[in-house]
C-alpha cells in the first residue's frame, strides 16, 4: 500500500502549488504596468489583471483638428501596456508550468 502515501504526498504538493499560484495571481493584480505612445505624450496604466486603471494625455498632444492621431496614440499606449502585462503574467505564472505538460492552463 505504499502507493497511497505517494498519492497523498502528490496531492499536498499540488495544493501547495495551487496556493502559490493563487498568491502570484493576486500579486499580479496589484502590479501597475505603464504603456506609452508618442514619446510619453500618452500613457496608459493597467494592472497585472489587464484592467485599465489610468489614461494620461499631455495637453500639447490634444489637437481638436486631429482627433484621429490622439485616438491612435491612446490605442498604441493601451496595447503597449497590455503587451507588457501579458509578458509579466507569462513570466510570473510560467514558473508554475515549467516542466509540466498542462495544455490550456492559461
N, C-alpha and C. Protein backbone atom coordinates (compact mmCIF):
# COMPACT_ATOMS: atom_id res chain seq x y z
N UNK A 1 0.82 -1.22 0.00
CA UNK A 1 0.00 0.00 0.00
C UNK A 1 0.86 1.28 0.00
N UNK A 2 2.10 1.15 -0.45
CA UNK A 2 2.96 2.34 -0.45
C UNK A 2 2.46 3.41 -1.42
N UNK A 3 1.73 2.99 -2.43
CA UNK A 3 1.22 3.92 -3.44
C UNK A 3 0.32 5.00 -2.86
N UNK A 4 -0.41 4.68 -1.79
CA UNK A 4 -1.32 5.66 -1.19
C UNK A 4 -0.56 6.85 -0.62
N UNK A 5 0.54 6.58 0.06
CA UNK A 5 1.35 7.65 0.64
C UNK A 5 1.85 8.60 -0.43
N UNK A 6 2.30 8.01 -1.55
CA UNK A 6 2.78 8.82 -2.66
C UNK A 6 1.66 9.71 -3.20
N UNK A 7 0.48 9.14 -3.30
CA UNK A 7 -0.66 9.87 -3.82
C UNK A 7 -0.99 11.05 -2.91
N UNK A 8 -1.02 10.81 -1.60
CA UNK A 8 -1.31 11.89 -0.64
C UNK A 8 -0.25 12.97 -0.72
N UNK A 9 1.00 12.54 -0.84
CA UNK A 9 2.11 13.47 -0.94
C UNK A 9 1.95 14.35 -2.18
N UNK A 10 1.58 13.72 -3.29
CA UNK A 10 1.39 14.45 -4.53
C UNK A 10 0.25 15.47 -4.40
N UNK A 11 -0.82 15.05 -3.72
CA UNK A 11 -1.95 15.96 -3.51
C UNK A 11 -1.53 17.17 -2.68
N UNK A 12 -0.73 16.92 -1.65
CA UNK A 12 -0.23 18.03 -0.81
C UNK A 12 0.61 18.98 -1.65
N UNK A 13 1.47 18.42 -2.49
CA UNK A 13 2.31 19.24 -3.37
C UNK A 13 1.44 20.09 -4.30
N UNK A 14 0.41 19.48 -4.85
CA UNK A 14 -0.50 20.20 -5.76
C UNK A 14 -1.20 21.34 -5.03
N UNK A 15 -1.65 21.07 -3.79
CA UNK A 15 -2.33 22.11 -3.01
C UNK A 15 -1.39 23.26 -2.71
N UNK A 16 -0.13 22.93 -2.39
CA UNK A 16 0.87 23.97 -2.13
C UNK A 16 1.06 24.82 -3.37
N UNK A 17 1.16 24.14 -4.51
CA UNK A 17 1.38 24.85 -5.77
C UNK A 17 0.18 25.72 -6.11
N UNK A 18 -1.03 25.19 -5.87
CA UNK A 18 -2.23 25.98 -6.15
C UNK A 18 -2.25 27.25 -5.31
N UNK A 19 -1.83 27.13 -4.06
CA UNK A 19 -1.81 28.31 -3.19
C UNK A 19 -0.78 29.32 -3.71
N UNK A 20 0.39 28.82 -4.10
CA UNK A 20 1.42 29.71 -4.64
C UNK A 20 0.92 30.40 -5.91
N UNK A 21 0.22 29.64 -6.75
CA UNK A 21 -0.32 30.22 -7.99
C UNK A 21 -1.36 31.29 -7.68
N UNK A 22 -2.22 31.01 -6.70
CA UNK A 22 -3.25 31.98 -6.32
C UNK A 22 -2.60 33.25 -5.78
N UNK A 23 -1.56 33.08 -4.97
CA UNK A 23 -0.83 34.24 -4.42
C UNK A 23 -0.19 35.05 -5.55
N UNK A 24 0.40 34.34 -6.50
CA UNK A 24 1.05 35.01 -7.63
C UNK A 24 0.02 35.77 -8.46
N UNK A 25 -1.14 35.15 -8.66
CA UNK A 25 -2.23 35.81 -9.41
C UNK A 25 -2.66 37.09 -8.70
N UNK A 26 -2.78 36.99 -7.37
CA UNK A 26 -3.20 38.14 -6.58
C UNK A 26 -2.18 39.27 -6.68
N UNK A 27 -0.90 38.92 -6.60
CA UNK A 27 0.17 39.91 -6.72
C UNK A 27 0.14 40.58 -8.09
N UNK A 28 -0.16 39.78 -9.12
CA UNK A 28 -0.25 40.35 -10.47
C UNK A 28 -1.30 41.46 -10.51
N UNK A 29 -2.39 41.25 -9.81
CA UNK A 29 -3.46 42.24 -9.78
C UNK A 29 -3.03 43.55 -9.15
N UNK A 30 -2.00 43.47 -8.30
CA UNK A 30 -1.50 44.69 -7.62
C UNK A 30 -0.45 45.40 -8.46
N UNK A 31 0.07 44.73 -9.49
CA UNK A 31 1.10 45.33 -10.34
C UNK A 31 0.52 46.51 -11.12
N UNK A 32 1.35 47.50 -11.37
CA UNK A 32 0.98 48.64 -12.20
C UNK A 32 1.93 48.67 -13.38
N UNK A 33 1.40 48.53 -14.59
CA UNK A 33 2.22 48.47 -15.79
C UNK A 33 1.86 49.64 -16.69
N UNK A 34 2.89 50.36 -17.12
CA UNK A 34 2.64 51.54 -17.94
C UNK A 34 3.01 51.28 -19.39
N UNK A 35 2.11 51.68 -20.26
CA UNK A 35 2.37 51.66 -21.70
C UNK A 35 2.35 53.10 -22.17
N UNK A 36 3.23 53.44 -23.11
CA UNK A 36 3.28 54.82 -23.59
C UNK A 36 3.27 54.86 -25.11
N UNK A 37 2.94 56.03 -25.63
CA UNK A 37 2.97 56.28 -27.08
C UNK A 37 3.28 57.75 -27.29
N UNK A 38 3.76 58.05 -28.47
CA UNK A 38 4.07 59.45 -28.80
C UNK A 38 5.14 60.02 -27.90
N UNK A 39 6.15 59.22 -27.58
CA UNK A 39 7.24 59.69 -26.74
C UNK A 39 6.78 60.08 -25.35
N UNK A 40 5.79 59.37 -24.85
CA UNK A 40 5.30 59.65 -23.49
C UNK A 40 4.18 60.68 -23.44
N UNK A 41 3.74 61.14 -24.61
CA UNK A 41 2.63 62.11 -24.65
C UNK A 41 1.35 61.48 -24.12
N UNK A 42 1.20 60.18 -24.37
CA UNK A 42 0.04 59.45 -23.88
C UNK A 42 0.57 58.25 -23.10
N UNK A 43 0.06 58.07 -21.88
CA UNK A 43 0.43 56.88 -21.12
C UNK A 43 -0.83 56.24 -20.56
N UNK A 44 -0.79 54.91 -20.55
CA UNK A 44 -1.91 54.13 -20.04
C UNK A 44 -1.35 53.19 -18.98
N UNK A 45 -2.00 53.14 -17.83
CA UNK A 45 -1.56 52.25 -16.76
C UNK A 45 -2.60 51.16 -16.58
N UNK A 46 -2.12 49.91 -16.61
CA UNK A 46 -3.01 48.76 -16.40
C UNK A 46 -2.50 47.95 -15.22
N UNK A 47 -3.40 47.13 -14.68
CA UNK A 47 -2.99 46.21 -13.62
C UNK A 47 -2.49 44.93 -14.28
N UNK A 48 -1.89 44.07 -13.48
CA UNK A 48 -1.44 42.79 -14.00
C UNK A 48 -2.59 41.90 -14.43
N UNK A 49 -3.82 42.30 -14.05
CA UNK A 49 -5.01 41.56 -14.50
C UNK A 49 -5.60 42.20 -15.75
N UNK A 50 -4.83 43.07 -16.37
CA UNK A 50 -5.20 43.74 -17.62
C UNK A 50 -6.45 44.61 -17.48
N UNK A 51 -6.52 45.30 -16.38
CA UNK A 51 -7.58 46.27 -16.14
C UNK A 51 -6.98 47.65 -16.37
N UNK A 52 -7.60 48.47 -17.21
CA UNK A 52 -7.07 49.81 -17.45
C UNK A 52 -7.40 50.66 -16.23
N UNK A 53 -6.35 51.22 -15.60
CA UNK A 53 -6.53 51.98 -14.37
C UNK A 53 -6.45 53.49 -14.61
N UNK A 54 -5.58 53.87 -15.55
CA UNK A 54 -5.37 55.30 -15.79
C UNK A 54 -5.06 55.54 -17.26
N UNK A 55 -5.53 56.68 -17.75
CA UNK A 55 -5.14 57.15 -19.09
C UNK A 55 -4.68 58.59 -18.88
N UNK A 56 -3.43 58.85 -19.23
CA UNK A 56 -2.89 60.21 -19.08
C UNK A 56 -2.53 60.76 -20.45
N UNK A 57 -3.01 61.97 -20.72
CA UNK A 57 -2.76 62.60 -22.02
C UNK A 57 -2.18 63.99 -21.76
N UNK A 58 -1.00 64.24 -22.32
CA UNK A 58 -0.37 65.57 -22.18
C UNK A 58 -1.15 66.58 -23.02
N UNK A 59 -1.33 67.75 -22.46
CA UNK A 59 -2.13 68.80 -23.09
C UNK A 59 -1.70 69.11 -24.53
N UNK A 60 -0.37 69.16 -24.74
CA UNK A 60 0.12 69.59 -26.05
C UNK A 60 -0.18 68.60 -27.18
N UNK A 61 -0.61 67.39 -26.86
CA UNK A 61 -0.91 66.42 -27.90
C UNK A 61 -2.39 66.49 -28.31
N UNK A 62 -3.16 67.27 -27.56
CA UNK A 62 -4.59 67.40 -27.84
C UNK A 62 -4.81 68.45 -28.93
N UNK A 63 -5.19 67.98 -30.11
CA UNK A 63 -5.43 68.87 -31.25
C UNK A 63 -6.84 68.59 -31.76
N UNK A 64 -7.75 69.55 -31.54
CA UNK A 64 -9.14 69.35 -31.98
C UNK A 64 -9.23 69.06 -33.48
N UNK A 65 -8.23 69.49 -34.24
CA UNK A 65 -8.23 69.26 -35.68
C UNK A 65 -7.82 67.81 -36.01
N UNK A 66 -7.15 67.16 -35.05
CA UNK A 66 -6.61 65.83 -35.35
C UNK A 66 -6.93 64.85 -34.22
N UNK A 67 -8.22 64.59 -34.04
CA UNK A 67 -8.67 63.67 -33.01
C UNK A 67 -8.16 62.25 -33.31
N UNK A 68 -8.07 61.92 -34.61
CA UNK A 68 -7.63 60.59 -35.00
C UNK A 68 -6.25 60.24 -34.47
N UNK A 69 -5.34 61.21 -34.54
CA UNK A 69 -3.98 60.96 -34.05
C UNK A 69 -4.02 60.65 -32.54
N UNK A 70 -4.81 61.40 -31.80
CA UNK A 70 -4.93 61.18 -30.36
C UNK A 70 -5.51 59.80 -30.08
N UNK A 71 -6.53 59.42 -30.84
CA UNK A 71 -7.12 58.09 -30.67
C UNK A 71 -6.08 57.00 -30.95
N UNK A 72 -5.27 57.19 -31.99
CA UNK A 72 -4.22 56.22 -32.33
C UNK A 72 -3.21 56.11 -31.20
N UNK A 73 -2.84 57.26 -30.61
CA UNK A 73 -1.86 57.26 -29.52
C UNK A 73 -2.42 56.53 -28.29
N UNK A 74 -3.69 56.77 -27.97
CA UNK A 74 -4.32 56.11 -26.82
C UNK A 74 -4.37 54.60 -27.07
N UNK A 75 -4.71 54.24 -28.30
CA UNK A 75 -4.76 52.83 -28.69
C UNK A 75 -3.38 52.19 -28.57
N UNK A 76 -2.36 52.87 -29.09
CA UNK A 76 -1.00 52.34 -29.07
C UNK A 76 -0.50 52.19 -27.63
N UNK A 77 -0.76 53.19 -26.79
CA UNK A 77 -0.32 53.14 -25.39
C UNK A 77 -1.02 52.01 -24.65
N UNK A 78 -2.32 51.83 -24.93
CA UNK A 78 -3.09 50.76 -24.27
C UNK A 78 -2.55 49.40 -24.68
N UNK A 79 -2.32 49.21 -25.99
CA UNK A 79 -1.78 47.93 -26.47
C UNK A 79 -0.39 47.66 -25.92
N UNK A 80 0.41 48.72 -25.78
CA UNK A 80 1.75 48.59 -25.21
C UNK A 80 1.66 48.10 -23.76
N UNK A 81 0.77 48.71 -23.00
CA UNK A 81 0.59 48.33 -21.59
C UNK A 81 0.09 46.89 -21.47
N UNK A 82 -0.87 46.51 -22.32
CA UNK A 82 -1.43 45.16 -22.26
C UNK A 82 -0.39 44.11 -22.66
N UNK A 83 0.46 44.45 -23.64
CA UNK A 83 1.52 43.54 -24.06
C UNK A 83 2.49 43.31 -22.90
N UNK A 84 2.83 44.39 -22.21
CA UNK A 84 3.74 44.28 -21.06
C UNK A 84 3.08 43.48 -19.93
N UNK A 85 1.78 43.65 -19.75
CA UNK A 85 1.04 42.90 -18.73
C UNK A 85 1.07 41.42 -19.06
N UNK A 86 0.90 41.09 -20.36
CA UNK A 86 0.96 39.69 -20.80
C UNK A 86 2.33 39.08 -20.51
N UNK A 87 3.39 39.85 -20.83
CA UNK A 87 4.75 39.36 -20.59
C UNK A 87 4.96 39.11 -19.11
N UNK A 88 4.50 40.03 -18.28
CA UNK A 88 4.64 39.87 -16.83
C UNK A 88 3.89 38.63 -16.34
N UNK A 89 2.68 38.45 -16.85
CA UNK A 89 1.88 37.28 -16.47
C UNK A 89 2.59 36.00 -16.89
N UNK A 90 3.10 35.97 -18.13
CA UNK A 90 3.80 34.77 -18.60
C UNK A 90 5.04 34.48 -17.77
N UNK A 91 5.79 35.53 -17.42
CA UNK A 91 6.99 35.33 -16.60
C UNK A 91 6.63 34.87 -15.20
N UNK A 92 5.58 35.47 -14.63
CA UNK A 92 5.18 35.14 -13.27
C UNK A 92 4.56 33.75 -13.19
N UNK A 93 3.62 33.47 -14.07
CA UNK A 93 2.90 32.21 -13.99
C UNK A 93 3.65 31.07 -14.69
N UNK A 94 4.57 31.42 -15.57
CA UNK A 94 5.33 30.41 -16.30
C UNK A 94 6.14 29.52 -15.38
N UNK A 95 6.58 30.05 -14.25
CA UNK A 95 7.38 29.26 -13.31
C UNK A 95 6.59 28.05 -12.79
N UNK A 96 5.27 28.14 -12.79
CA UNK A 96 4.45 27.05 -12.27
C UNK A 96 4.23 25.96 -13.31
N UNK A 97 4.33 26.33 -14.58
CA UNK A 97 4.02 25.35 -15.63
C UNK A 97 5.27 24.76 -16.25
N UNK A 98 6.46 25.27 -15.87
CA UNK A 98 7.70 24.72 -16.40
C UNK A 98 7.77 23.23 -16.08
N UNK A 99 8.06 22.46 -17.10
CA UNK A 99 8.23 21.04 -16.88
C UNK A 99 6.92 20.28 -16.70
N UNK A 100 5.82 21.00 -16.73
CA UNK A 100 4.53 20.32 -16.61
C UNK A 100 3.81 20.47 -17.93
N UNK A 101 3.33 19.40 -18.47
CA UNK A 101 2.63 19.47 -19.74
C UNK A 101 1.14 19.59 -19.46
N UNK A 102 0.70 20.82 -19.22
CA UNK A 102 -0.71 21.05 -18.92
C UNK A 102 -1.30 21.98 -19.97
N UNK A 103 -1.79 21.43 -21.06
CA UNK A 103 -2.36 22.29 -22.09
C UNK A 103 -3.60 23.02 -21.56
N UNK A 104 -3.77 24.25 -22.00
CA UNK A 104 -4.95 25.01 -21.63
C UNK A 104 -4.97 25.52 -20.21
N UNK A 105 -3.78 25.64 -19.58
CA UNK A 105 -3.75 26.16 -18.21
C UNK A 105 -4.11 27.65 -18.19
N UNK A 106 -3.59 28.39 -19.18
CA UNK A 106 -3.87 29.84 -19.20
C UNK A 106 -4.41 30.26 -20.54
